[in-house]
Amino acid sequence: MKIVLNHQVQLKDFREGYVNIYKDFESNVIPHKGDYIADLCFKDPYEYEVIEVIINYQENECNVTLKPLIAAHNDKDFLLRYVEMSEHHDWYCPTKEYL
């Protein structure tokens, strides 16, 4: 099954900016709400909690939403730097050009 991880990165004030990054891979293990996902992209914390799982059996796809990363500041450049760093770990951001 195709697993799609969705991770939202937010500035301290959500209204100042946020971005969604995604990573997909094939796996027979389906995450559940409350599980934790670790990835080399994540620093501290090293893992993020699964807050939502949506399974689409017709598409053989599982969409997994992780607990958002909330920055301690409102530096909009942080979002672009985070997206660029995450791309080195096979994450992608379909809205990168708008940052």
Protein backbone atom coordinates (compact mmCIF):
# COMPACT_ATOMS: atom_id res chain seq x y z
CA MET A 1 0.00 0.00 0.00
CA LYS A 2 1.19 3.53 -0.74
CA ILE A 3 1.68 5.49 2.49
CA VAL A 4 1.62 9.29 2.18
CA LEU A 5 2.91 11.24 5.18
CA ASN A 6 1.63 14.81 5.54
CA HIS A 7 3.51 17.11 7.90
CA GLN A 8 2.56 20.73 8.43
CA VAL A 9 5.27 23.21 9.46
CA GLN A 10 3.86 26.38 11.02
CA LEU A 11 5.22 29.67 12.21
CA LYS A 12 4.46 30.66 15.82
CA ASP A 13 1.46 32.65 14.56
CA PHE A 14 -0.23 30.31 12.08
CA ARG A 15 -1.61 33.32 10.20
CA GLU A 16 1.96 34.45 9.43
CA GLY A 17 2.68 31.29 7.44
CA TYR A 18 2.73 27.53 7.17
CA VAL A 19 3.63 24.88 4.65
CA ASN A 20 2.70 21.23 4.09
CA ILE A 21 5.40 18.74 3.16
CA TYR A 22 4.78 15.19 1.99
CA LYS A 23 6.64 11.91 1.73
CA ASP A 24 5.34 8.73 0.17
CA PHE A 25 6.56 5.15 0.14
CA GLU A 26 5.27 1.61 -0.14
CA SER A 27 4.65 -0.40 3.02
CA ASN A 28 2.52 -3.24 4.35
CA VAL A 29 2.47 -1.56 7.78
CA ILE A 30 -0.38 0.91 8.18
CA PRO A 31 0.17 3.53 10.89
CA HIS A 32 -2.54 4.19 13.46
CA LYS A 33 -3.56 7.33 15.31
CA GLY A 34 -1.24 7.69 18.32
CA ASP A 35 1.72 5.95 16.63
CA TYR A 36 4.96 7.88 16.17
CA ILE A 37 6.83 8.27 12.89
CA ALA A 38 10.59 8.81 12.93
CA ASP A 39 12.45 10.22 9.93
CA LEU A 40 15.98 11.46 9.29
CA CYS A 41 14.43 14.83 8.39
CA PHE A 42 13.25 15.35 11.96
CA LYS A 43 15.70 16.72 14.50
CA ASP A 44 14.37 17.37 17.97
CA PRO A 45 11.85 15.85 18.44
CA TYR A 46 13.07 12.92 16.35
CA GLU A 47 9.58 11.58 15.80
CA TYR A 48 6.08 12.98 15.32
CA GLU A 49 2.74 11.63 16.44
CA VAL A 50 0.19 10.36 13.93
CA ILE A 51 -2.98 12.41 14.46
CA GLU A 52 -5.09 11.15 11.54
CA VAL A 53 -5.15 8.17 9.18
CA ILE A 54 -7.34 7.97 6.09
CA ILE A 55 -7.30 4.73 4.09
CA ASN A 56 -8.51 4.72 0.51
CA TYR A 57 -8.81 1.04 -0.43
CA GLN A 58 -9.92 1.86 -3.98
CA GLU A 59 -6.63 3.71 -4.60
CA ASN A 60 -4.59 1.38 -2.35
CA GLU A 61 -3.37 4.48 -0.51
CA CYS A 62 -3.10 5.51 3.14
CA ASN A 63 -2.85 9.22 4.01
CA VAL A 64 -1.21 9.88 7.37
CA THR A 65 -1.25 13.29 9.05
CA LEU A 66 1.46 14.02 11.60
CA LYS A 67 1.26 16.45 14.50
CA PRO A 68 2.37 19.88 13.20
CA LEU A 69 5.79 21.35 13.85
CA ILE A 70 5.27 24.81 15.33
CA ALA A 71 8.24 27.18 15.19
CA ALA A 72 9.01 29.41 18.17
CA HIS A 73 9.13 32.47 15.88
CA ASN A 74 7.51 34.08 12.83
CA ASP A 75 10.55 34.06 10.49
CA LYS A 76 9.03 33.31 7.07
CA ASP A 77 12.45 32.39 5.66
CA PHE A 78 12.42 29.46 8.08
CA LEU A 79 9.67 27.80 6.04
CA LEU A 80 11.71 27.87 2.82
CA ARG A 81 14.85 26.65 4.61
CA TYR A 82 12.87 23.82 6.22
CA VAL A 83 11.38 22.75 2.87
CA GLU A 84 14.80 22.80 1.21
CA MET A 85 16.28 20.72 4.03
CA SER A 86 13.39 18.24 3.91
CA GLU A 87 13.90 17.71 0.17
CA HIS A 88 17.28 16.16 1.01
CA HIS A 89 15.32 13.48 2.90
CA ASP A 90 12.86 12.69 0.08
CA TRP A 91 10.05 14.97 1.24
CA TYR A 92 8.37 17.27 -1.27
CA CYS A 93 6.35 20.47 -1.13
CA PRO A 94 3.97 21.17 -4.01
CA THR A 95 3.66 24.86 -2.99
CA LYS A 96 7.38 25.61 -2.60
CA GLU A 97 7.34 28.22 -5.38
CA TYR A 98 4.92 30.34 -3.33
CA LEU A 99 7.24 30.67 -0.35
